Amino acid sequence: MDWLPLHSGHPLMVHLPLVALPLAVLLDGLATWKQDPRWRQLATILWLLGLIGAGAAVTTGLIAYDRVDHSDAAHEVMTLHRNVALGAVALFLLGGAARWRWSFSRPAVLVGALGVAGIVGAGYLGGEIVFRHAIGLPTGVLEQVMMERGGHGHDAMPDTMAVQSAVDSGRAQ
């Protein structure tokens, strides 16, 4: 699998289920509330796309889990991210099966909503993995980037300098 990037395409795969599944649950809730099969039909398409996307996201995430350079602290967050994501997908599968079995089912919508909460949590942890622990950057690349930055950080700039910089660039109002 050397032809796959280290992160195995996981960042590309997560967006479809992150959009499709919450929308599917929302439309199922609307269909249940209004007893309208049109909303349910649209939700069904989103459920299918979202679950296929979730399968791709989980697969690429499990591949990336063993391929990226990381610290012990990052490993703990990666493991939690994996477990929360797997739990969310299990809830979506359960909610999807329930909605297929019982049309306009409030419990199915509730289980789907719990799945949405799960992927929100998994998404937050994914952000922590990338932006706090710099996972996905090989150690050599991370060292090179740190040398290039040379300690430069915009948030460390004193307020007066930030205002003057904004005025100089024409962004001040």
N, C-alpha and C. Protein backbone atom coordinates (compact mmCIF):
# COMPACT_ATOMS: atom_id res chain seq x y z
N MET A 1 0.81 -1.20 0.00
CA MET A 1 0.00 0.00 0.00
C MET A 1 0.85 1.27 0.00
N ASP A 2 2.06 1.16 -0.51
CA ASP A 2 2.93 2.32 -0.55
C ASP A 2 2.41 3.42 -1.47
N TRP A 3 1.49 3.10 -2.36
CA TRP A 3 0.95 4.09 -3.28
C TRP A 3 -0.05 5.02 -2.59
N LEU A 4 -0.55 4.61 -1.40
CA LEU A 4 -1.46 5.48 -0.63
C LEU A 4 -0.66 6.50 0.16
N PRO A 5 -1.16 7.72 0.28
CA PRO A 5 -0.47 8.66 1.18
C PRO A 5 -0.55 8.15 2.61
N LEU A 6 0.31 8.64 3.49
CA LEU A 6 0.36 8.15 4.87
C LEU A 6 -0.99 8.23 5.55
N HIS A 7 -1.74 9.30 5.30
CA HIS A 7 -3.04 9.44 5.95
C HIS A 7 -4.12 8.64 5.23
N SER A 8 -3.75 7.95 4.16
CA SER A 8 -4.60 7.00 3.44
C SER A 8 -5.87 7.63 2.84
N GLY A 9 -5.89 8.91 2.65
CA GLY A 9 -7.07 9.55 2.08
C GLY A 9 -8.16 9.83 3.10
N HIS A 10 -7.91 9.55 4.36
CA HIS A 10 -8.93 9.74 5.39
C HIS A 10 -9.50 11.16 5.42
N PRO A 11 -8.66 12.19 5.34
CA PRO A 11 -9.23 13.55 5.35
C PRO A 11 -10.18 13.81 4.19
N LEU A 12 -10.00 13.13 3.08
CA LEU A 12 -10.91 13.30 1.94
C LEU A 12 -12.23 12.56 2.16
N MET A 13 -12.18 11.46 2.87
CA MET A 13 -13.36 10.60 3.02
C MET A 13 -14.34 11.05 4.09
N VAL A 14 -13.90 11.81 5.07
CA VAL A 14 -14.76 12.11 6.22
C VAL A 14 -15.86 13.11 5.90
N HIS A 15 -15.69 13.92 4.89
CA HIS A 15 -16.64 15.01 4.67
C HIS A 15 -18.02 14.55 4.21
N LEU A 16 -18.09 13.52 3.38
CA LEU A 16 -19.38 13.05 2.91
C LEU A 16 -20.27 12.58 4.07
N PRO A 17 -19.80 11.68 4.93
CA PRO A 17 -20.68 11.27 6.04
C PRO A 17 -20.95 12.40 7.04
N LEU A 18 -20.00 13.31 7.19
CA LEU A 18 -20.21 14.43 8.12
C LEU A 18 -21.32 15.36 7.66
N VAL A 19 -21.59 15.39 6.39
CA VAL A 19 -22.67 16.22 5.85
C VAL A 19 -23.95 15.40 5.65
N ALA A 20 -23.80 14.24 5.00
CA ALA A 20 -24.98 13.46 4.60
C ALA A 20 -25.75 12.88 5.79
N LEU A 21 -25.06 12.34 6.78
CA LEU A 21 -25.78 11.68 7.87
C LEU A 21 -26.55 12.65 8.77
N PRO A 22 -25.98 13.77 9.19
CA PRO A 22 -26.81 14.72 9.95
C PRO A 22 -28.01 15.24 9.16
N LEU A 23 -27.81 15.49 7.85
CA LEU A 23 -28.94 15.93 7.03
C LEU A 23 -29.99 14.83 6.92
N ALA A 24 -29.56 13.58 6.79
CA ALA A 24 -30.49 12.46 6.72
C ALA A 24 -31.33 12.37 7.99
N VAL A 25 -30.68 12.52 9.14
CA VAL A 25 -31.40 12.46 10.42
C VAL A 25 -32.37 13.64 10.53
N LEU A 26 -31.92 14.82 10.12
CA LEU A 26 -32.79 16.00 10.15
C LEU A 26 -34.02 15.80 9.26
N LEU A 27 -33.81 15.30 8.06
CA LEU A 27 -34.94 15.07 7.15
C LEU A 27 -35.85 13.96 7.65
N ASP A 28 -35.27 12.93 8.29
CA ASP A 28 -36.12 11.89 8.90
C ASP A 28 -36.96 12.48 10.02
N GLY A 29 -36.37 13.36 10.80
CA GLY A 29 -37.13 14.02 11.86
C GLY A 29 -38.26 14.85 11.29
N LEU A 30 -37.98 15.57 10.22
CA LEU A 30 -39.01 16.36 9.55
C LEU A 30 -40.10 15.46 8.97
N ALA A 31 -39.70 14.36 8.33
CA ALA A 31 -40.67 13.41 7.76
C ALA A 31 -41.55 12.81 8.85
N THR A 32 -40.95 12.49 10.00
CA THR A 32 -41.70 11.90 11.10
C THR A 32 -42.68 12.91 11.68
N TRP A 33 -42.22 14.14 11.84
CA TRP A 33 -43.07 15.19 12.41
C TRP A 33 -44.24 15.49 11.49
N LYS A 34 -43.98 15.58 10.18
CA LYS A 34 -45.04 15.94 9.22
C LYS A 34 -45.73 14.72 8.61
N GLN A 35 -45.20 13.52 8.90
CA GLN A 35 -45.74 12.30 8.28
C GLN A 35 -45.74 12.43 6.76
N ASP A 36 -44.64 12.91 6.22
CA ASP A 36 -44.53 13.20 4.78
C ASP A 36 -43.49 12.28 4.14
N PRO A 37 -43.91 11.40 3.25
CA PRO A 37 -42.98 10.45 2.63
C PRO A 37 -41.95 11.09 1.71
N ARG A 38 -42.20 12.30 1.22
CA ARG A 38 -41.22 12.96 0.34
C ARG A 38 -39.93 13.25 1.10
N TRP A 39 -40.04 13.74 2.34
CA TRP A 39 -38.86 14.01 3.15
C TRP A 39 -38.12 12.71 3.46
N ARG A 40 -38.89 11.66 3.69
CA ARG A 40 -38.30 10.35 4.00
C ARG A 40 -37.53 9.80 2.80
N GLN A 41 -38.06 10.00 1.59
CA GLN A 41 -37.37 9.53 0.39
C GLN A 41 -36.04 10.25 0.20
N LEU A 42 -36.04 11.54 0.40
CA LEU A 42 -34.79 12.30 0.30
C LEU A 42 -33.82 11.86 1.39
N ALA A 43 -34.32 11.64 2.59
CA ALA A 43 -33.47 11.16 3.68
C ALA A 43 -32.85 9.81 3.34
N THR A 44 -33.60 8.95 2.68
CA THR A 44 -33.10 7.62 2.33
C THR A 44 -31.87 7.72 1.44
N ILE A 45 -31.90 8.62 0.47
CA ILE A 45 -30.74 8.82 -0.41
C ILE A 45 -29.54 9.28 0.41
N LEU A 46 -29.77 10.22 1.32
CA LEU A 46 -28.68 10.72 2.15
C LEU A 46 -28.16 9.65 3.11
N TRP A 47 -29.06 8.81 3.64
CA TRP A 47 -28.63 7.70 4.49
C TRP A 47 -27.68 6.78 3.72
N LEU A 48 -28.06 6.43 2.51
CA LEU A 48 -27.23 5.53 1.71
C LEU A 48 -25.86 6.15 1.41
N LEU A 49 -25.87 7.38 0.94
CA LEU A 49 -24.60 8.06 0.66
C LEU A 49 -23.76 8.20 1.93
N GLY A 50 -24.40 8.59 3.02
CA GLY A 50 -23.68 8.79 4.28
C GLY A 50 -23.08 7.51 4.83
N LEU A 51 -23.82 6.41 4.75
CA LEU A 51 -23.30 5.14 5.27
C LEU A 51 -22.18 4.59 4.39
N ILE A 52 -22.30 4.77 3.09
CA ILE A 52 -21.20 4.38 2.20
C ILE A 52 -19.97 5.23 2.52
N GLY A 53 -20.18 6.53 2.67
CA GLY A 53 -19.08 7.43 3.03
C GLY A 53 -18.48 7.09 4.38
N ALA A 54 -19.32 6.71 5.33
CA ALA A 54 -18.82 6.32 6.66
C ALA A 54 -17.95 5.07 6.55
N GLY A 55 -18.36 4.14 5.70
CA GLY A 55 -17.53 2.95 5.49
C GLY A 55 -16.16 3.31 4.94
N ALA A 56 -16.13 4.23 3.99
CA ALA A 56 -14.85 4.68 3.43
C ALA A 56 -14.02 5.44 4.46
N ALA A 57 -14.68 6.28 5.27
CA ALA A 57 -13.96 7.05 6.29
C ALA A 57 -13.37 6.12 7.35
N VAL A 58 -14.15 5.14 7.78
CA VAL A 58 -13.65 4.19 8.79
C VAL A 58 -12.49 3.37 8.23
N THR A 59 -12.65 2.89 7.01
CA THR A 59 -11.59 2.07 6.40
C THR A 59 -10.30 2.85 6.27
N THR A 60 -10.37 4.05 5.72
CA THR A 60 -9.15 4.85 5.54
C THR A 60 -8.60 5.31 6.89
N GLY A 61 -9.48 5.55 7.86
CA GLY A 61 -9.02 5.93 9.19
C GLY A 61 -8.27 4.80 9.88
N LEU A 62 -8.76 3.59 9.74
CA LEU A 62 -8.07 2.45 10.34
C LEU A 62 -6.72 2.20 9.68
N ILE A 63 -6.64 2.44 8.38
CA ILE A 63 -5.35 2.32 7.69
C ILE A 63 -4.39 3.39 8.21
N ALA A 64 -4.87 4.64 8.30
CA ALA A 64 -4.02 5.74 8.75
C ALA A 64 -3.56 5.56 10.19
N TYR A 65 -4.39 4.95 11.00
CA TYR A 65 -4.09 4.75 12.43
C TYR A 65 -2.73 4.09 12.63
N ASP A 66 -2.38 3.17 11.75
CA ASP A 66 -1.12 2.45 11.89
C ASP A 66 0.01 3.00 11.03
N ARG A 67 -0.27 4.06 10.27
CA ARG A 67 0.74 4.53 9.31
C ARG A 67 1.36 5.88 9.63
N VAL A 68 0.71 6.70 10.44
CA VAL A 68 1.22 8.05 10.65
C VAL A 68 2.14 8.12 11.85
N ASP A 69 3.16 8.98 11.75
CA ASP A 69 4.05 9.22 12.89
C ASP A 69 3.25 9.93 13.98
N HIS A 70 3.44 9.49 15.24
CA HIS A 70 2.72 10.14 16.33
C HIS A 70 3.39 9.87 17.67
N SER A 71 3.05 10.72 18.64
CA SER A 71 3.57 10.59 20.00
C SER A 71 2.62 9.73 20.83
N ASP A 72 3.05 9.43 22.07
CA ASP A 72 2.18 8.68 22.97
C ASP A 72 0.90 9.46 23.29
N ALA A 73 1.04 10.77 23.53
CA ALA A 73 -0.14 11.60 23.83
C ALA A 73 -1.10 11.62 22.64
N ALA A 74 -0.56 11.72 21.45
CA ALA A 74 -1.40 11.71 20.25
C ALA A 74 -2.06 10.35 20.07
N HIS A 75 -1.37 9.29 20.43
CA HIS A 75 -1.93 7.94 20.29
C HIS A 75 -3.20 7.79 21.13
N GLU A 76 -3.19 8.37 22.32
CA GLU A 76 -4.39 8.31 23.17
C GLU A 76 -5.57 9.01 22.50
N VAL A 77 -5.33 10.17 21.92
CA VAL A 77 -6.40 10.91 21.25
C VAL A 77 -6.85 10.17 19.99
N MET A 78 -5.89 9.58 19.26
CA MET A 78 -6.24 8.82 18.06
C MET A 78 -7.13 7.63 18.42
N THR A 79 -6.81 6.96 19.51
CA THR A 79 -7.59 5.80 19.93
C THR A 79 -9.00 6.23 20.34
N LEU A 80 -9.10 7.32 21.09
CA LEU A 80 -10.41 7.83 21.48
C LEU A 80 -11.22 8.24 20.25
N HIS A 81 -10.57 8.93 19.30
CA HIS A 81 -11.22 9.34 18.05
C HIS A 81 -11.76 8.11 17.31
N ARG A 82 -10.92 7.09 17.20
CA ARG A 82 -11.35 5.86 16.52
C ARG A 82 -12.56 5.24 17.21
N ASN A 83 -12.50 5.13 18.54
CA ASN A 83 -13.59 4.49 19.28
C ASN A 83 -14.89 5.28 19.21
N VAL A 84 -14.80 6.59 19.31
CA VAL A 84 -16.00 7.43 19.22
C VAL A 84 -16.59 7.33 17.81
N ALA A 85 -15.74 7.36 16.79
CA ALA A 85 -16.22 7.25 15.41
C ALA A 85 -16.89 5.90 15.16
N LEU A 86 -16.29 4.82 15.66
CA LEU A 86 -16.89 3.50 15.48
C LEU A 86 -18.23 3.41 16.21
N GLY A 87 -18.31 3.99 17.40
CA GLY A 87 -19.57 4.02 18.14
C GLY A 87 -20.64 4.80 17.39
N ALA A 88 -20.25 5.93 16.81
CA ALA A 88 -21.20 6.74 16.04
C ALA A 88 -21.70 5.98 14.82
N VAL A 89 -20.80 5.29 14.12
CA VAL A 89 -21.21 4.52 12.95
C VAL A 89 -22.15 3.38 13.38
N ALA A 90 -21.87 2.76 14.51
CA ALA A 90 -22.77 1.71 15.01
C ALA A 90 -24.16 2.27 15.29
N LEU A 91 -24.22 3.47 15.87
CA LEU A 91 -25.52 4.11 16.10
C LEU A 91 -26.23 4.42 14.80
N PHE A 92 -25.48 4.89 13.79
CA PHE A 92 -26.09 5.17 12.50
C PHE A 92 -26.61 3.90 11.84
N LEU A 93 -25.87 2.81 11.97
CA LEU A 93 -26.35 1.54 11.40
C LEU A 93 -27.62 1.08 12.11
N LEU A 94 -27.64 1.24 13.42
CA LEU A 94 -28.83 0.87 14.19
C LEU A 94 -30.01 1.77 13.82
N GLY A 95 -29.78 3.07 13.76
CA GLY A 95 -30.83 4.02 13.38
C GLY A 95 -31.31 3.79 11.96
N GLY A 96 -30.37 3.50 11.04
CA GLY A 96 -30.74 3.22 9.66
C GLY A 96 -31.59 1.96 9.54
N ALA A 97 -31.21 0.92 10.29
CA ALA A 97 -32.00 -0.32 10.27
C ALA A 97 -33.39 -0.09 10.86
N ALA A 98 -33.47 0.69 11.93
CA ALA A 98 -34.76 0.97 12.56
C ALA A 98 -35.66 1.78 11.64
N ARG A 99 -35.12 2.76 10.95
CA ARG A 99 -35.95 3.58 10.05
C ARG A 99 -36.41 2.77 8.85
N TRP A 100 -35.58 1.79 8.44
CA TRP A 100 -35.97 0.93 7.33
C TRP A 100 -37.11 0.01 7.75
N ARG A 101 -37.04 -0.48 8.98
CA ARG A 101 -38.05 -1.41 9.50
C ARG A 101 -39.37 -0.70 9.85
N TRP A 102 -39.26 0.48 10.49
CA TRP A 102 -40.44 1.20 10.95
C TRP A 102 -40.43 2.61 10.37
N SER A 103 -41.31 2.89 9.44
CA SER A 103 -41.39 4.23 8.85
C SER A 103 -41.84 5.24 9.89
N PHE A 104 -41.32 6.44 9.79
CA PHE A 104 -41.69 7.56 10.66
C PHE A 104 -41.51 7.20 12.13
N SER A 105 -40.39 6.58 12.45
CA SER A 105 -40.10 6.11 13.80
C SER A 105 -39.33 7.17 14.59
N ARG A 106 -39.93 7.66 15.66
CA ARG A 106 -39.24 8.63 16.53
C ARG A 106 -38.00 8.01 17.18
N PRO A 107 -38.06 6.76 17.66
CA PRO A 107 -36.85 6.16 18.23
C PRO A 107 -35.70 6.07 17.21
N ALA A 108 -36.01 5.80 15.95
CA ALA A 108 -34.97 5.75 14.92
C ALA A 108 -34.32 7.13 14.76
N VAL A 109 -35.14 8.17 14.79
CA VAL A 109 -34.61 9.54 14.69
C VAL A 109 -33.73 9.84 15.90
N LEU A 110 -34.16 9.41 17.08
CA LEU A 110 -33.37 9.64 18.29
C LEU A 110 -32.02 8.93 18.22
N VAL A 111 -32.02 7.70 17.78
CA VAL A 111 -30.76 6.96 17.65
C VAL A 111 -29.87 7.65 16.62
N GLY A 112 -30.45 8.10 15.51
CA GLY A 112 -29.69 8.86 14.52
C GLY A 112 -29.11 10.14 15.11
N ALA A 113 -29.89 10.82 15.94
CA ALA A 113 -29.39 12.05 16.59
C ALA A 113 -28.22 11.75 17.51
N LEU A 114 -28.27 10.62 18.20
CA LEU A 114 -27.12 10.21 19.03
C LEU A 114 -25.90 9.94 18.15
N GLY A 115 -26.13 9.36 16.97
CA GLY A 115 -25.03 9.17 16.03
C GLY A 115 -24.44 10.50 15.58
N VAL A 116 -25.30 11.49 15.36
CA VAL A 116 -24.82 12.82 14.99
C VAL A 116 -23.94 13.39 16.11
N ALA A 117 -24.39 13.26 17.35
CA ALA A 117 -23.57 13.72 18.48
C ALA A 117 -22.23 13.00 18.48
N GLY A 118 -22.24 11.72 18.15
CA GLY A 118 -21.00 10.95 18.10
C GLY A 118 -20.05 11.44 17.03
N ILE A 119 -20.56 11.74 15.83
CA ILE A 119 -19.62 12.20 14.80
C ILE A 119 -19.15 13.63 15.04
N VAL A 120 -19.96 14.42 15.75
CA VAL A 120 -19.48 15.74 16.14
C VAL A 120 -18.29 15.58 17.09
N GLY A 121 -18.44 14.67 18.06
CA GLY A 121 -17.33 14.39 18.98
C GLY A 121 -16.12 13.84 18.27
N ALA A 122 -16.33 12.91 17.34
CA ALA A 122 -15.22 12.33 16.59
C ALA A 122 -14.55 13.40 15.73
N GLY A 123 -15.35 14.29 15.14
CA GLY A 123 -14.78 15.38 14.34
C GLY A 123 -13.94 16.33 15.18
N TYR A 124 -14.42 16.63 16.37
CA TYR A 124 -13.63 17.48 17.28
C TYR A 124 -12.29 16.82 17.58
N LEU A 125 -12.34 15.54 17.92
CA LEU A 125 -11.11 14.82 18.24
C LEU A 125 -10.20 14.74 17.01
N GLY A 126 -10.78 14.59 15.82
CA GLY A 126 -9.98 14.60 14.61
C GLY A 126 -9.25 15.93 14.44
N GLY A 127 -9.93 17.03 14.74
CA GLY A 127 -9.27 18.33 14.71
C GLY A 127 -8.14 18.43 15.72
N GLU A 128 -8.35 17.88 16.90
CA GLU A 128 -7.29 17.85 17.92
C GLU A 128 -6.08 17.06 17.41
N ILE A 129 -6.35 15.95 16.75
CA ILE A 129 -5.27 15.11 16.23
C ILE A 129 -4.43 15.89 15.23
N VAL A 130 -5.09 16.61 14.33
CA VAL A 130 -4.38 17.34 13.28
C VAL A 130 -3.74 18.60 13.81
N PHE A 131 -4.51 19.44 14.50
CA PHE A 131 -4.03 20.77 14.84
C PHE A 131 -3.30 20.86 16.17
N ARG A 132 -3.53 19.95 17.07
CA ARG A 132 -2.80 19.98 18.34
C ARG A 132 -1.60 19.05 18.32
N HIS A 133 -1.75 17.90 17.66
CA HIS A 133 -0.68 16.91 17.67
C HIS A 133 0.05 16.79 16.33
N ALA A 134 -0.37 17.55 15.32
CA ALA A 134 0.28 17.59 14.00
C ALA A 134 0.40 16.21 13.38
N ILE A 135 -0.63 15.38 13.58
CA ILE A 135 -0.63 14.05 12.97
C ILE A 135 -0.89 14.19 11.48
N GLY A 136 -0.25 13.37 10.71
CA GLY A 136 -0.36 13.42 9.26
C GLY A 136 0.87 14.06 8.63
N LEU A 137 1.68 14.67 9.45
CA LEU A 137 2.95 15.21 8.97
C LEU A 137 4.06 14.26 9.40
N PRO A 138 4.80 13.70 8.47
CA PRO A 138 5.95 12.88 8.89
C PRO A 138 6.90 13.72 9.73
N THR A 139 7.57 13.09 10.66
CA THR A 139 8.44 13.79 11.61
C THR A 139 9.45 14.68 10.89
N GLY A 140 10.03 14.20 9.81
CA GLY A 140 11.00 15.01 9.06
C GLY A 140 10.37 16.27 8.49
N VAL A 141 9.17 16.17 7.97
CA VAL A 141 8.46 17.33 7.43
C VAL A 141 8.12 18.29 8.55
N LEU A 142 7.67 17.77 9.69
CA LEU A 142 7.34 18.62 10.83
C LEU A 142 8.56 19.39 11.30
N GLU A 143 9.70 18.73 11.36
CA GLU A 143 10.94 19.42 11.75
C GLU A 143 11.29 20.51 10.76
N GLN A 144 11.12 20.24 9.46
CA GLN A 144 11.41 21.24 8.43
C GLN A 144 10.48 22.44 8.57
N VAL A 145 9.20 22.20 8.79
CA VAL A 145 8.23 23.28 8.94
C VAL A 145 8.58 24.12 10.17
N MET A 146 8.95 23.48 11.25
CA MET A 146 9.32 24.23 12.47
C MET A 146 10.54 25.12 12.20
N MET A 147 11.48 24.63 11.43
CA MET A 147 12.65 25.45 11.09
C MET A 147 12.24 26.63 10.20
N GLU A 148 11.34 26.38 9.25
CA GLU A 148 10.88 27.44 8.36
C GLU A 148 10.13 28.53 9.12
N ARG A 149 9.33 28.12 10.11
CA ARG A 149 8.56 29.10 10.88
C ARG A 149 9.48 29.97 11.72
N GLY A 150 10.52 29.40 12.23
CA GLY A 150 11.49 30.17 13.01
C GLY A 150 10.88 30.93 14.16
N GLY A 151 9.86 30.39 14.76
CA GLY A 151 9.25 31.04 15.92
C GLY A 151 8.25 32.11 15.56
N HIS A 152 7.99 32.32 14.28
CA HIS A 152 7.03 33.35 13.86
C HIS A 152 5.61 32.92 14.19
N GLY A 153 4.89 33.75 14.91
CA GLY A 153 3.50 33.46 15.23
C GLY A 153 2.71 34.76 15.29
N HIS A 154 1.61 34.83 14.62
CA HIS A 154 0.81 36.05 14.56
C HIS A 154 0.17 36.37 15.91
N ASP A 155 -0.18 35.34 16.68
CA ASP A 155 -0.83 35.61 17.95
C ASP A 155 0.14 36.16 19.00
N ALA A 156 1.43 36.07 18.74
CA ALA A 156 2.40 36.59 19.69
C ALA A 156 2.70 38.07 19.44
N MET A 157 2.14 38.64 18.37
CA MET A 157 2.39 40.02 18.01
C MET A 157 1.70 40.96 19.00
N PRO A 158 2.40 41.96 19.54
CA PRO A 158 1.75 42.92 20.43
C PRO A 158 0.60 43.62 19.71
N ASP A 159 -0.44 44.01 20.49
CA ASP A 159 -1.64 44.62 19.92
C ASP A 159 -1.34 45.86 19.09
N THR A 160 -0.44 46.70 19.55
CA THR A 160 -0.15 47.93 18.81
C THR A 160 0.47 47.61 17.46
N MET A 161 1.30 46.61 17.41
CA MET A 161 1.90 46.22 16.14
C MET A 161 0.85 45.61 15.22
N ALA A 162 -0.10 44.87 15.78
CA ALA A 162 -1.16 44.27 14.96
C ALA A 162 -2.03 45.35 14.34
N VAL A 163 -2.36 46.38 15.11
CA VAL A 163 -3.17 47.48 14.60
C VAL A 163 -2.40 48.21 13.51
N GLN A 164 -1.13 48.50 13.74
CA GLN A 164 -0.34 49.20 12.73
C GLN A 164 -0.22 48.37 11.47
N SER A 165 -0.03 47.06 11.63
CA SER A 165 0.06 46.17 10.48
C SER A 165 -1.23 46.18 9.68
N ALA A 166 -2.37 46.19 10.35
CA ALA A 166 -3.67 46.23 9.68
C ALA A 166 -3.84 47.55 8.93
N VAL A 167 -3.42 48.67 9.54
CA VAL A 167 -3.53 49.98 8.92
C VAL A 167 -2.64 50.01 7.66
N ASP A 168 -1.42 49.50 7.81
CA ASP A 168 -0.48 49.50 6.67
C ASP A 168 -1.00 48.68 5.50
N SER A 169 -1.70 47.60 5.79
CA SER A 169 -2.18 46.74 4.69
C SER A 169 -3.56 47.15 4.19
N GLY A 170 -4.15 48.20 4.77
CA GLY A 170 -5.45 48.69 4.31
C GLY A 170 -6.63 47.93 4.82
N ARG A 171 -6.44 47.10 5.85
CA ARG A 171 -7.55 46.32 6.38
C ARG A 171 -8.27 47.03 7.51
N ALA A 172 -7.69 48.08 8.08
CA ALA A 172 -8.33 48.76 9.20
C ALA A 172 -9.53 49.56 8.71
N GLN A 173 -10.49 49.74 9.59
CA GLN A 173 -11.70 50.46 9.20
C GLN A 173 -11.73 51.85 9.75
